[in-house]
Protein backbone atom coordinates (compact mmCIF):
# COMPACT_ATOMS: atom_id res chain seq x y z
CA MET A 1 -59.16 -52.27 31.62
CA ARG A 2 -57.29 -49.21 32.93
CA LYS A 3 -58.33 -45.73 32.11
CA CYS A 4 -55.99 -42.76 31.85
CA LEU A 5 -56.13 -40.58 34.94
CA ARG A 6 -55.59 -37.61 32.79
CA CYS A 7 -57.79 -37.91 29.67
CA THR A 8 -59.84 -41.02 30.53
CA VAL A 9 -58.96 -42.90 27.32
CA GLU A 10 -58.44 -46.78 27.71
CA MET A 11 -54.68 -47.52 28.28
CA VAL A 12 -52.60 -50.23 26.65
CA GLU A 13 -51.78 -52.64 29.46
CA GLY A 14 -49.40 -55.41 30.06
CA LEU A 15 -46.34 -53.80 28.66
CA ASP A 16 -42.97 -54.76 30.13
CA ILE A 17 -40.45 -52.44 31.61
CA LYS A 18 -36.75 -53.14 30.79
CA VAL A 19 -33.56 -51.42 31.72
CA GLU A 20 -31.99 -49.89 28.55
CA GLY A 21 -29.12 -51.94 27.53
CA GLY A 22 -30.28 -55.12 29.41
CA ALA A 23 -32.62 -57.91 28.56
CA TYR A 24 -33.81 -58.12 32.22
CA GLY A 25 -36.68 -56.31 33.79
CA ILE A 26 -37.29 -54.75 37.14
CA LYS A 27 -38.88 -56.82 40.12
CA VAL A 28 -40.14 -55.96 43.46
CA THR A 29 -38.87 -57.68 46.55
CA GLN A 30 -39.03 -57.36 50.32
CA GLN A 31 -36.13 -55.51 51.88
CA GLY A 32 -33.19 -57.76 52.85
CA VAL A 33 -30.98 -60.50 51.20
CA PHE A 34 -32.59 -63.44 49.71
CA LYS A 35 -36.26 -62.27 50.10
CA ASP A 36 -38.99 -63.67 47.79
CA ASN A 37 -39.82 -61.97 44.52
CA LEU A 38 -43.06 -60.10 45.04
CA GLY A 39 -43.85 -59.55 41.31
CA LYS A 40 -42.66 -58.24 38.04
CA PHE A 41 -43.55 -54.55 37.16
CA LYS A 42 -45.87 -54.08 34.14
CA CYS A 43 -46.98 -50.79 32.70
CA ALA A 44 -49.82 -49.27 30.96
CA VAL A 45 -49.59 -46.35 28.57
CA CYS A 46 -52.19 -43.97 27.44
CA PRO A 47 -52.14 -43.85 23.56
CA GLU A 48 -53.61 -40.30 23.57
CA CYS A 49 -51.32 -38.40 25.93
CA GLY A 50 -48.52 -40.87 26.86
CA TYR A 51 -49.25 -40.74 30.59
CA THR A 52 -47.64 -44.13 32.03
CA GLU A 53 -48.49 -46.06 35.00
CA THR A 54 -46.71 -48.91 36.66
CA TYR A 55 -48.42 -51.84 38.39
CA ILE A 56 -47.34 -55.37 39.82
CA GLU A 57 -48.44 -58.37 37.82
CA ASN A 58 -49.72 -60.37 40.71
CA PRO A 59 -50.82 -58.13 43.75
CA GLU A 60 -51.88 -61.23 45.79
CA ARG A 61 -48.36 -61.60 46.82
CA VAL A 62 -48.34 -58.04 48.48
CA LYS A 63 -51.68 -58.93 49.94
CA LYS A 64 -50.07 -61.88 51.78
CA LEU A 65 -47.51 -59.49 53.43
CA ILE A 66 -50.11 -57.70 55.01
CA VAL A 67 -51.98 -60.82 56.39
CA ASP A 68 -48.72 -62.33 57.51
CA LYS A 69 -47.98 -59.21 59.73
CA LYS A 70 -51.12 -59.61 61.71
């Protein structure tokens, strides 16, 4: 459960982010050509004030990048 940073109301989570006019979403990848997809962006919206926050669906893939660098 995410709480709004501005008004502390419970946010609506798991919403997709789409590019207007396109049916595809936005994804996060490492820099470079043909790098692995690190996750799909999701967003949470506060129903009270409209504050919107983005997050990655599966942060374990990003954690693995840190471990692999060591």
